[in-house]
Amino acid sequence: MSMGILSLITFVIWFVAIQEFLKPEKNQSNRKIMMLTSAGSLLTLVLTISLFQSL
């Protein structure tokens, strides 16, 4: 159950990050992009480790 929620949160974070990247450069928030990319990377790493441990 928690893996599903974590997967959904990770998906939403990456989706928001991609939407921020698609904005024109002058409207992009570098701070927001950096935070979303960091959070997405960390959660993706956690999901990957959890999946490999369950094998």
C-alpha atoms as a PDB file:
ATOM      1  CA  MET A   1       0.000   0.000   0.000  1.00  0.00           C
ATOM      2  CA  SER A   2       2.706   2.501   0.952  1.00  0.00           C
ATOM      3  CA  MET A   3       4.686   1.625  -2.199  1.00  0.00           C
ATOM      4  CA  GLY A   4       1.672   2.569  -4.296  1.00  0.00           C
ATOM      5  CA  ILE A   5       1.279   5.900  -2.534  1.00  0.00           C
ATOM      6  CA  LEU A   6       5.004   6.606  -2.816  1.00  0.00           C
ATOM      7  CA  SER A   7       4.888   5.736  -6.527  1.00  0.00           C
ATOM      8  CA  LEU A   8       1.965   8.087  -7.059  1.00  0.00           C
ATOM      9  CA  ILE A   9       3.709  10.934  -5.207  1.00  0.00           C
ATOM     10  CA  THR A  10       6.871  10.366  -7.251  1.00  0.00           C
ATOM     11  CA  PHE A  11       4.872  10.416 -10.478  1.00  0.00           C
ATOM     12  CA  VAL A  12       3.171  13.686  -9.506  1.00  0.00           C
ATOM     13  CA  ILE A  13       6.507  15.313  -8.586  1.00  0.00           C
ATOM     14  CA  TRP A  14       8.062  14.363 -11.924  1.00  0.00           C
ATOM     15  CA  PHE A  15       4.937  15.506 -13.784  1.00  0.00           C
ATOM     16  CA  VAL A  16       5.073  18.930 -12.097  1.00  0.00           C
ATOM     17  CA  ALA A  17       8.821  19.165 -12.803  1.00  0.00           C
ATOM     18  CA  ILE A  18       8.255  18.428 -16.495  1.00  0.00           C
ATOM     19  CA  GLN A  19       5.491  21.047 -16.638  1.00  0.00           C
ATOM     20  CA  GLU A  20       7.919  23.579 -15.146  1.00  0.00           C
ATOM     21  CA  PHE A  21      10.555  22.647 -17.749  1.00  0.00           C
ATOM     22  CA  LEU A  22       8.022  23.209 -20.540  1.00  0.00           C
ATOM     23  CA  LYS A  23       7.398  26.815 -19.508  1.00  0.00           C
ATOM     24  CA  PRO A  24       9.247  29.547 -21.401  1.00  0.00           C
ATOM     25  CA  GLU A  25      12.695  30.113 -19.896  1.00  0.00           C
ATOM     26  CA  LYS A  26      11.894  33.546 -18.488  1.00  0.00           C
ATOM     27  CA  ASN A  27       8.896  32.118 -16.582  1.00  0.00           C
ATOM     28  CA  GLN A  28      10.752  29.111 -15.134  1.00  0.00           C
ATOM     29  CA  SER A  29      11.607  29.069 -11.462  1.00  0.00           C
ATOM     30  CA  ASN A  30      15.113  27.649 -11.071  1.00  0.00           C
ATOM     31  CA  ARG A  31      14.551  27.072  -7.374  1.00  0.00           C
ATOM     32  CA  LYS A  32      11.334  25.136  -8.040  1.00  0.00           C
ATOM     33  CA  ILE A  33      12.993  23.053 -10.757  1.00  0.00           C
ATOM     34  CA  MET A  34      15.908  22.235  -8.462  1.00  0.00           C
ATOM     35  CA  MET A  35      13.630  21.239  -5.563  1.00  0.00           C
ATOM     36  CA  LEU A  36      11.342  19.102  -7.741  1.00  0.00           C
ATOM     37  CA  THR A  37      14.267  17.376  -9.459  1.00  0.00           C
ATOM     38  CA  SER A  38      15.958  16.652  -6.135  1.00  0.00           C
ATOM     39  CA  ALA A  39      12.762  15.324  -4.554  1.00  0.00           C
ATOM     40  CA  GLY A  40      11.938  13.251  -7.629  1.00  0.00           C
ATOM     41  CA  SER A  41      15.426  11.767  -7.757  1.00  0.00           C
ATOM     42  CA  LEU A  42      15.411  10.915  -4.052  1.00  0.00           C
ATOM     43  CA  LEU A  43      11.991   9.272  -4.206  1.00  0.00           C
ATOM     44  CA  THR A  44      12.935   7.375  -7.367  1.00  0.00           C
ATOM     45  CA  LEU A  45      16.034   6.071  -5.591  1.00  0.00           C
ATOM     46  CA  VAL A  46      13.940   4.987  -2.591  1.00  0.00           C
ATOM     47  CA  LEU A  47      11.484   3.180  -4.882  1.00  0.00           C
ATOM     48  CA  THR A  48      14.299   1.467  -6.782  1.00  0.00           C
ATOM     49  CA  ILE A  49      15.982   0.249  -3.585  1.00  0.00           C
ATOM     50  CA  SER A  50      12.649  -0.983  -2.198  1.00  0.00           C
ATOM     51  CA  LEU A  51      11.866  -2.883  -5.374  1.00  0.00           C
ATOM     52  CA  PHE A  52      15.291  -4.556  -5.472  1.00  0.00           C
ATOM     53  CA  GLN A  53      15.010  -5.541  -1.802  1.00  0.00           C
ATOM     54  CA  SER A  54      11.677  -7.237  -2.448  1.00  0.00           C
ATOM     55  CA  LEU A  55      13.175  -9.516  -5.137  1.00  0.00           C
END
